[in-house]
Amino acid sequence: MMQILTILQVFLVYLHHIFIANMQINPKAASQKDIYKILTGTVIPRPIGWVSTISPDGVPNLAPFSFFNAVGEDPPHVMFSTVRTGNTNKDTLNNILANGQFVVNLATEELVDAMNATSVNLPPNGNEFDYAGLTAVPSVIIKPFRVNESPVHFECEMVHHYNLQDHKDGGATIIIGRIVMFHINDSILLDDCKINLDNYKPIARLAGNNYAKLGEIFSIKRPFI
């Protein structure tokens, strides 16, 4: 009898591992809230693109986006996406669609509070630079301003945008931009264009209100055949 119970317990543990520990979730049947929590809780850490734009009336805009990354270096491109909740564009998207230009500023530990402040929902004529106490400096090639306090700026020109299809509440728009000018602060730039991470101190987004600093770093060489 005890042997049968032991076998049954092992079988139940097996079933738990197969059917409960490895849950399958169909996004078509899940709520947008749950999908967002799954994506932002598993795709981590995410770099933050602190995107500055300018309206057709010349009003500067600045907002952080964690659905952001580099696309490739030949030629250099970056991408980010902005949600369209309620089928409404954010000022960032409206500005880029109007003039095709934006700057990606990268946030550091020292700038996390200012970066977070620029996520505020100001009216279209509001200036997030002023609201967060940041210094707007002119770009070299494009019209949008750069965040002077940030050690890294990418001046970008939009080459493509794509609206996610089959959405429930507006979806999101993906923006791909070609970098036409790099600005790297001398304090983080090493020989051979490498970056001093000790001085750079970038931050990354996790789920909810959580962020991360660079933790333990390890190296591993790629195999060659």
C-alpha atoms as a PDB file:
ATOM      1  CA  MET A   1       0.000   0.000   0.000  1.00  0.00           C
ATOM      2  CA  MET A   2       2.796   2.392   0.916  1.00  0.00           C
ATOM      3  CA  GLN A   3       4.553   1.629  -2.367  1.00  0.00           C
ATOM      4  CA  ILE A   4       1.376   2.480  -4.298  1.00  0.00           C
ATOM      5  CA  LEU A   5       1.055   5.779  -2.429  1.00  0.00           C
ATOM      6  CA  THR A   6       4.682   6.625  -3.180  1.00  0.00           C
ATOM      7  CA  ILE A   7       4.197   5.923  -6.870  1.00  0.00           C
ATOM      8  CA  LEU A   8       1.032   8.032  -6.850  1.00  0.00           C
ATOM      9  CA  GLN A   9       2.852  10.932  -5.173  1.00  0.00           C
ATOM     10  CA  VAL A  10       5.624  10.811  -7.751  1.00  0.00           C
ATOM     11  CA  PHE A  11       3.045  10.765 -10.546  1.00  0.00           C
ATOM     12  CA  LEU A  12       1.226  13.769  -9.045  1.00  0.00           C
ATOM     13  CA  VAL A  13       4.507  15.692  -8.811  1.00  0.00           C
ATOM     14  CA  TYR A  14       5.153  14.848 -12.457  1.00  0.00           C
ATOM     15  CA  LEU A  15       1.704  16.101 -13.461  1.00  0.00           C
ATOM     16  CA  HIS A  16       2.269  19.289 -11.468  1.00  0.00           C
ATOM     17  CA  HIS A  17       5.534  19.911 -13.291  1.00  0.00           C
ATOM     18  CA  ILE A  18       4.033  19.292 -16.719  1.00  0.00           C
ATOM     19  CA  PHE A  19       0.654  20.959 -16.456  1.00  0.00           C
ATOM     20  CA  ILE A  20       1.042  23.607 -13.775  1.00  0.00           C
ATOM     21  CA  ALA A  21       4.674  24.700 -13.690  1.00  0.00           C
ATOM     22  CA  ASN A  22       4.657  25.077 -17.478  1.00  0.00           C
ATOM     23  CA  MET A  23       1.472  27.060 -17.960  1.00  0.00           C
ATOM     24  CA  GLN A  24       0.349  27.853 -21.487  1.00  0.00           C
ATOM     25  CA  ILE A  25      -1.323  31.211 -22.052  1.00  0.00           C
ATOM     26  CA  ASN A  26      -3.048  32.086 -25.299  1.00  0.00           C
ATOM     27  CA  PRO A  27      -2.693  35.879 -25.769  1.00  0.00           C
ATOM     28  CA  LYS A  28      -6.003  35.963 -27.648  1.00  0.00           C
ATOM     29  CA  ALA A  29      -7.761  34.778 -24.483  1.00  0.00           C
ATOM     30  CA  ALA A  30      -5.743  36.793 -21.969  1.00  0.00           C
ATOM     31  CA  SER A  31      -6.380  40.344 -20.823  1.00  0.00           C
ATOM     32  CA  GLN A  32      -4.122  43.167 -21.998  1.00  0.00           C
ATOM     33  CA  LYS A  33      -3.155  43.765 -18.365  1.00  0.00           C
ATOM     34  CA  ASP A  34      -1.955  40.181 -17.934  1.00  0.00           C
ATOM     35  CA  ILE A  35      -0.107  40.197 -21.254  1.00  0.00           C
ATOM     36  CA  TYR A  36       1.664  43.418 -20.278  1.00  0.00           C
ATOM     37  CA  LYS A  37       2.728  41.944 -16.920  1.00  0.00           C
ATOM     38  CA  ILE A  38       4.064  38.793 -18.591  1.00  0.00           C
ATOM     39  CA  LEU A  39       6.058  40.691 -21.210  1.00  0.00           C
ATOM     40  CA  THR A  40       7.498  43.327 -18.876  1.00  0.00           C
ATOM     41  CA  GLY A  41       8.250  40.738 -16.187  1.00  0.00           C
ATOM     42  CA  THR A  42      10.071  38.288 -18.454  1.00  0.00           C
ATOM     43  CA  VAL A  43      11.791  40.480 -21.061  1.00  0.00           C
ATOM     44  CA  ILE A  44      14.228  42.044 -18.605  1.00  0.00           C
ATOM     45  CA  PRO A  45      16.283  44.063 -18.141  1.00  0.00           C
ATOM     46  CA  ARG A  46      15.204  46.491 -20.853  1.00  0.00           C
ATOM     47  CA  PRO A  47      17.278  49.520 -21.869  1.00  0.00           C
ATOM     48  CA  ILE A  48      15.442  52.836 -21.729  1.00  0.00           C
ATOM     49  CA  GLY A  49      15.222  55.095 -24.744  1.00  0.00           C
ATOM     50  CA  TRP A  50      14.709  58.623 -23.446  1.00  0.00           C
ATOM     51  CA  VAL A  51      13.247  60.116 -26.598  1.00  0.00           C
ATOM     52  CA  SER A  52      13.173  63.838 -27.296  1.00  0.00           C
ATOM     53  CA  THR A  53      11.146  65.315 -30.141  1.00  0.00           C
ATOM     54  CA  ILE A  54       9.834  68.695 -31.208  1.00  0.00           C
ATOM     55  CA  SER A  55       6.339  69.667 -32.354  1.00  0.00           C
ATOM     56  CA  PRO A  56       5.582  71.563 -35.579  1.00  0.00           C
ATOM     57  CA  ASP A  57       5.045  74.618 -33.338  1.00  0.00           C
ATOM     58  CA  GLY A  58       8.537  74.234 -31.832  1.00  0.00           C
ATOM     59  CA  VAL A  59       7.505  72.795 -28.444  1.00  0.00           C
ATOM     60  CA  PRO A  60      10.123  70.346 -27.066  1.00  0.00           C
ATOM     61  CA  ASN A  61       8.923  66.964 -25.810  1.00  0.00           C
ATOM     62  CA  LEU A  62      10.738  64.315 -23.771  1.00  0.00           C
ATOM     63  CA  ALA A  63       9.553  60.865 -22.646  1.00  0.00           C
ATOM     64  CA  PRO A  64      11.066  57.488 -21.652  1.00  0.00           C
ATOM     65  CA  PHE A  65      10.342  54.237 -23.515  1.00  0.00           C
ATOM     66  CA  SER A  66      11.472  50.805 -22.342  1.00  0.00           C
ATOM     67  CA  PHE A  67      10.370  48.952 -25.464  1.00  0.00           C
ATOM     68  CA  PHE A  68      13.619  50.160 -27.036  1.00  0.00           C
ATOM     69  CA  ASN A  69      16.815  48.704 -28.450  1.00  0.00           C
ATOM     70  CA  ALA A  70      19.505  48.885 -31.120  1.00  0.00           C
ATOM     71  CA  VAL A  71      18.681  47.273 -34.478  1.00  0.00           C
ATOM     72  CA  GLY A  72      22.044  47.122 -36.235  1.00  0.00           C
ATOM     73  CA  GLU A  73      25.261  49.019 -36.854  1.00  0.00           C
ATOM     74  CA  ASP A  74      25.611  48.882 -40.650  1.00  0.00           C
ATOM     75  CA  PRO A  75      24.257  51.530 -40.884  1.00  0.00           C
ATOM     76  CA  PRO A  76      23.373  52.290 -37.241  1.00  0.00           C
ATOM     77  CA  HIS A  77      19.664  52.068 -36.432  1.00  0.00           C
ATOM     78  CA  VAL A  78      17.590  52.000 -33.254  1.00  0.00           C
ATOM     79  CA  MET A  79      13.936  51.220 -32.617  1.00  0.00           C
ATOM     80  CA  PHE A  80      11.321  51.898 -29.989  1.00  0.00           C
ATOM     81  CA  SER A  81       7.589  51.506 -29.719  1.00  0.00           C
ATOM     82  CA  THR A  82       4.955  53.769 -28.228  1.00  0.00           C
ATOM     83  CA  VAL A  83       1.530  52.559 -27.153  1.00  0.00           C
ATOM     84  CA  ARG A  84      -1.658  54.050 -28.583  1.00  0.00           C
ATOM     85  CA  THR A  85      -4.023  53.361 -25.689  1.00  0.00           C
ATOM     86  CA  GLY A  86      -7.565  54.286 -26.629  1.00  0.00           C
ATOM     87  CA  ASN A  87      -6.437  54.733 -30.258  1.00  0.00           C
ATOM     88  CA  THR A  88      -4.700  57.963 -29.225  1.00  0.00           C
ATOM     89  CA  ASN A  89      -1.174  58.933 -30.254  1.00  0.00           C
ATOM     90  CA  LYS A  90       1.306  60.207 -27.704  1.00  0.00           C
ATOM     91  CA  ASP A  91       2.953  63.560 -28.412  1.00  0.00           C
ATOM     92  CA  THR A  92       6.195  61.722 -29.190  1.00  0.00           C
ATOM     93  CA  LEU A  93       4.583  59.808 -32.036  1.00  0.00           C
ATOM     94  CA  ASN A  94       2.731  62.821 -33.411  1.00  0.00           C
ATOM     95  CA  ASN A  95       5.932  64.847 -33.483  1.00  0.00           C
ATOM     96  CA  ILE A  96       7.962  62.138 -35.224  1.00  0.00           C
ATOM     97  CA  LEU A  97       5.266  61.533 -37.821  1.00  0.00           C
ATOM     98  CA  ALA A  98       5.190  65.281 -38.468  1.00  0.00           C
ATOM     99  CA  ASN A  99       8.925  65.848 -38.999  1.00  0.00           C
ATOM    100  CA  GLY A 100      10.596  62.413 -39.014  1.00  0.00           C
ATOM    101  CA  GLN A 101      13.206  63.260 -36.361  1.00  0.00           C
ATOM    102  CA  PHE A 102      14.018  62.301 -32.775  1.00  0.00           C
ATOM    103  CA  VAL A 103      16.889  62.025 -30.320  1.00  0.00           C
ATOM    104  CA  VAL A 104      17.506  59.008 -28.112  1.00  0.00           C
ATOM    105  CA  ASN A 105      19.101  60.115 -24.848  1.00  0.00           C
ATOM    106  CA  LEU A 106      20.244  57.380 -22.481  1.00  0.00           C
ATOM    107  CA  ALA A 107      19.454  57.547 -18.770  1.00  0.00           C
ATOM    108  CA  THR A 108      21.884  56.867 -15.929  1.00  0.00           C
ATOM    109  CA  GLU A 109      21.642  56.333 -12.180  1.00  0.00           C
ATOM    110  CA  GLU A 110      22.039  60.066 -11.548  1.00  0.00           C
ATOM    111  CA  LEU A 111      19.216  60.880 -13.962  1.00  0.00           C
ATOM    112  CA  VAL A 112      16.627  58.289 -12.898  1.00  0.00           C
ATOM    113  CA  ASP A 113      14.435  60.778 -11.013  1.00  0.00           C
ATOM    114  CA  ALA A 114      14.469  63.273 -13.867  1.00  0.00           C
ATOM    115  CA  MET A 115      13.802  60.508 -16.372  1.00  0.00           C
ATOM    116  CA  ASN A 116      10.835  59.312 -14.331  1.00  0.00           C
ATOM    117  CA  ALA A 117       9.511  62.877 -14.045  1.00  0.00           C
ATOM    118  CA  THR A 118       9.347  63.150 -17.842  1.00  0.00           C
ATOM    119  CA  SER A 119       6.859  60.265 -17.962  1.00  0.00           C
ATOM    120  CA  VAL A 120       4.228  62.728 -16.684  1.00  0.00           C
ATOM    121  CA  ASN A 121       1.243  63.295 -18.957  1.00  0.00           C
ATOM    122  CA  LEU A 122       1.610  66.994 -19.785  1.00  0.00           C
ATOM    123  CA  PRO A 123      -0.623  68.741 -22.334  1.00  0.00           C
ATOM    124  CA  PRO A 124       0.795  69.012 -25.894  1.00  0.00           C
ATOM    125  CA  ASN A 125       2.127  72.509 -25.176  1.00  0.00           C
ATOM    126  CA  GLY A 126       3.921  71.313 -22.023  1.00  0.00           C
ATOM    127  CA  ASN A 127       7.718  71.139 -21.884  1.00  0.00           C
ATOM    128  CA  GLU A 128       9.097  68.065 -20.071  1.00  0.00           C
ATOM    129  CA  PHE A 129      12.611  69.530 -20.110  1.00  0.00           C
ATOM    130  CA  ASP A 130      11.428  72.421 -17.956  1.00  0.00           C
ATOM    131  CA  TYR A 131       9.163  70.214 -15.842  1.00  0.00           C
ATOM    132  CA  ALA A 132      12.038  67.881 -14.919  1.00  0.00           C
ATOM    133  CA  GLY A 133      14.640  70.639 -14.552  1.00  0.00           C
ATOM    134  CA  LEU A 134      16.721  69.431 -17.490  1.00  0.00           C
ATOM    135  CA  THR A 135      18.830  71.426 -19.941  1.00  0.00           C
ATOM    136  CA  ALA A 136      17.809  71.326 -23.600  1.00  0.00           C
ATOM    137  CA  VAL A 137      20.741  71.754 -25.995  1.00  0.00           C
ATOM    138  CA  PRO A 138      20.560  71.959 -29.806  1.00  0.00           C
ATOM    139  CA  SER A 139      21.335  68.957 -31.966  1.00  0.00           C
ATOM    140  CA  VAL A 140      23.848  69.163 -34.798  1.00  0.00           C
ATOM    141  CA  ILE A 141      21.842  67.774 -37.706  1.00  0.00           C
ATOM    142  CA  ILE A 142      18.203  67.538 -36.635  1.00  0.00           C
ATOM    143  CA  LYS A 143      15.753  69.902 -34.918  1.00  0.00           C
ATOM    144  CA  PRO A 144      14.823  68.099 -31.641  1.00  0.00           C
ATOM    145  CA  PHE A 145      16.858  69.087 -28.585  1.00  0.00           C
ATOM    146  CA  ARG A 146      19.154  66.817 -26.612  1.00  0.00           C
ATOM    147  CA  VAL A 147      19.284  66.285 -22.835  1.00  0.00           C
ATOM    148  CA  ASN A 148      22.529  67.973 -21.831  1.00  0.00           C
ATOM    149  CA  GLU A 149      22.762  65.986 -18.585  1.00  0.00           C
ATOM    150  CA  SER A 150      22.732  62.645 -20.427  1.00  0.00           C
ATOM    151  CA  PRO A 151      26.151  61.233 -21.416  1.00  0.00           C
ATOM    152  CA  VAL A 152      24.831  59.665 -24.631  1.00  0.00           C
ATOM    153  CA  HIS A 153      22.670  61.096 -27.429  1.00  0.00           C
ATOM    154  CA  PHE A 154      21.716  59.570 -30.767  1.00  0.00           C
ATOM    155  CA  GLU A 155      20.351  62.005 -33.334  1.00  0.00           C
ATOM    156  CA  CYS A 156      17.938  59.977 -35.461  1.00  0.00           C
ATOM    157  CA  GLU A 157      15.905  60.276 -38.621  1.00  0.00           C
ATOM    158  CA  MET A 158      12.896  57.995 -38.986  1.00  0.00           C
ATOM    159  CA  VAL A 159      13.148  55.463 -41.794  1.00  0.00           C
ATOM    160  CA  HIS A 160      10.103  53.333 -41.009  1.00  0.00           C
ATOM    161  CA  HIS A 161       7.071  53.100 -38.761  1.00  0.00           C
ATOM    162  CA  TYR A 162       4.626  50.254 -38.323  1.00  0.00           C
ATOM    163  CA  ASN A 163       1.314  50.007 -36.469  1.00  0.00           C
ATOM    164  CA  LEU A 164       0.641  46.705 -34.706  1.00  0.00           C
ATOM    165  CA  GLN A 165      -2.377  45.010 -36.256  1.00  0.00           C
ATOM    166  CA  ASP A 166      -5.364  43.192 -34.729  1.00  0.00           C
ATOM    167  CA  HIS A 167      -5.209  45.215 -31.519  1.00  0.00           C
ATOM    168  CA  LYS A 168      -7.866  45.607 -28.854  1.00  0.00           C
ATOM    169  CA  ASP A 169      -7.223  49.132 -27.575  1.00  0.00           C
ATOM    170  CA  GLY A 170      -5.031  50.986 -30.022  1.00  0.00           C
ATOM    171  CA  GLY A 171      -1.972  48.737 -30.023  1.00  0.00           C
ATOM    172  CA  ALA A 172       1.395  50.376 -30.527  1.00  0.00           C
ATOM    173  CA  THR A 173       3.526  51.978 -33.215  1.00  0.00           C
ATOM    174  CA  ILE A 174       7.085  50.833 -33.841  1.00  0.00           C
ATOM    175  CA  ILE A 175       9.529  53.533 -34.904  1.00  0.00           C
ATOM    176  CA  ILE A 176      12.852  52.694 -36.570  1.00  0.00           C
ATOM    177  CA  GLY A 177      15.366  55.470 -36.899  1.00  0.00           C
ATOM    178  CA  ARG A 178      18.775  55.798 -38.510  1.00  0.00           C
ATOM    179  CA  ILE A 179      21.402  57.381 -36.289  1.00  0.00           C
ATOM    180  CA  VAL A 180      22.883  60.357 -38.112  1.00  0.00           C
ATOM    181  CA  MET A 181      25.039  61.641 -35.249  1.00  0.00           C
ATOM    182  CA  PHE A 182      26.476  60.148 -32.056  1.00  0.00           C
ATOM    183  CA  HIS A 183      27.234  62.271 -28.993  1.00  0.00           C
ATOM    184  CA  ILE A 184      29.294  60.409 -26.351  1.00  0.00           C
ATOM    185  CA  ASN A 185      30.583  62.197 -23.262  1.00  0.00           C
ATOM    186  CA  ASP A 186      34.358  61.977 -22.870  1.00  0.00           C
ATOM    187  CA  SER A 187      33.942  60.742 -19.285  1.00  0.00           C
ATOM    188  CA  ILE A 188      32.587  57.378 -20.467  1.00  0.00           C
ATOM    189  CA  LEU A 189      34.532  56.948 -23.713  1.00  0.00           C
ATOM    190  CA  LEU A 190      37.609  54.717 -23.661  1.00  0.00           C
ATOM    191  CA  ASP A 191      40.183  53.947 -26.347  1.00  0.00           C
ATOM    192  CA  ASP A 192      38.942  52.143 -29.440  1.00  0.00           C
ATOM    193  CA  CYS A 193      35.395  53.518 -28.848  1.00  0.00           C
ATOM    194  CA  LYS A 194      34.737  51.224 -25.897  1.00  0.00           C
ATOM    195  CA  ILE A 195      32.519  52.441 -23.030  1.00  0.00           C
ATOM    196  CA  ASN A 196      33.593  52.812 -19.403  1.00  0.00           C
ATOM    197  CA  LEU A 197      30.703  51.151 -17.583  1.00  0.00           C
ATOM    198  CA  ASP A 198      31.929  52.287 -14.167  1.00  0.00           C
ATOM    199  CA  ASN A 199      31.438  55.888 -15.239  1.00  0.00           C
ATOM    200  CA  TYR A 200      28.437  55.313 -17.481  1.00  0.00           C
ATOM    201  CA  LYS A 201      26.166  53.612 -14.875  1.00  0.00           C
ATOM    202  CA  PRO A 202      23.135  52.996 -17.111  1.00  0.00           C
ATOM    203  CA  ILE A 203      19.785  51.941 -15.712  1.00  0.00           C
ATOM    204  CA  ALA A 204      17.281  49.441 -17.076  1.00  0.00           C
ATOM    205  CA  ARG A 205      13.566  48.851 -16.693  1.00  0.00           C
ATOM    206  CA  LEU A 206      12.037  45.828 -15.012  1.00  0.00           C
ATOM    207  CA  ALA A 207       8.347  45.181 -14.301  1.00  0.00           C
ATOM    208  CA  GLY A 208       6.022  47.630 -12.568  1.00  0.00           C
ATOM    209  CA  ASN A 209       7.849  50.471 -10.837  1.00  0.00           C
ATOM    210  CA  ASN A 210      11.099  48.524 -10.639  1.00  0.00           C
ATOM    211  CA  TYR A 211      14.407  49.445 -12.251  1.00  0.00           C
ATOM    212  CA  ALA A 212      17.868  47.883 -12.217  1.00  0.00           C
ATOM    213  CA  LYS A 213      21.491  48.927 -12.150  1.00  0.00           C
ATOM    214  CA  LEU A 214      24.286  46.935 -13.732  1.00  0.00           C
ATOM    215  CA  GLY A 215      24.931  43.923 -11.523  1.00  0.00           C
ATOM    216  CA  GLU A 216      27.636  41.278 -11.688  1.00  0.00           C
ATOM    217  CA  ILE A 217      29.276  41.168 -15.107  1.00  0.00           C
ATOM    218  CA  PHE A 218      30.832  38.020 -16.562  1.00  0.00           C
ATOM    219  CA  SER A 219      32.542  37.254 -19.868  1.00  0.00           C
ATOM    220  CA  ILE A 220      32.240  34.237 -22.127  1.00  0.00           C
ATOM    221  CA  LYS A 221      33.952  33.730 -25.466  1.00  0.00           C
ATOM    222  CA  ARG A 222      32.043  32.511 -28.497  1.00  0.00           C
ATOM    223  CA  PRO A 223      33.019  29.073 -29.819  1.00  0.00           C
ATOM    224  CA  PHE A 224      34.808  28.842 -33.122  1.00  0.00           C
ATOM    225  CA  ILE A 225      34.928  25.776 -35.364  1.00  0.00           C
END
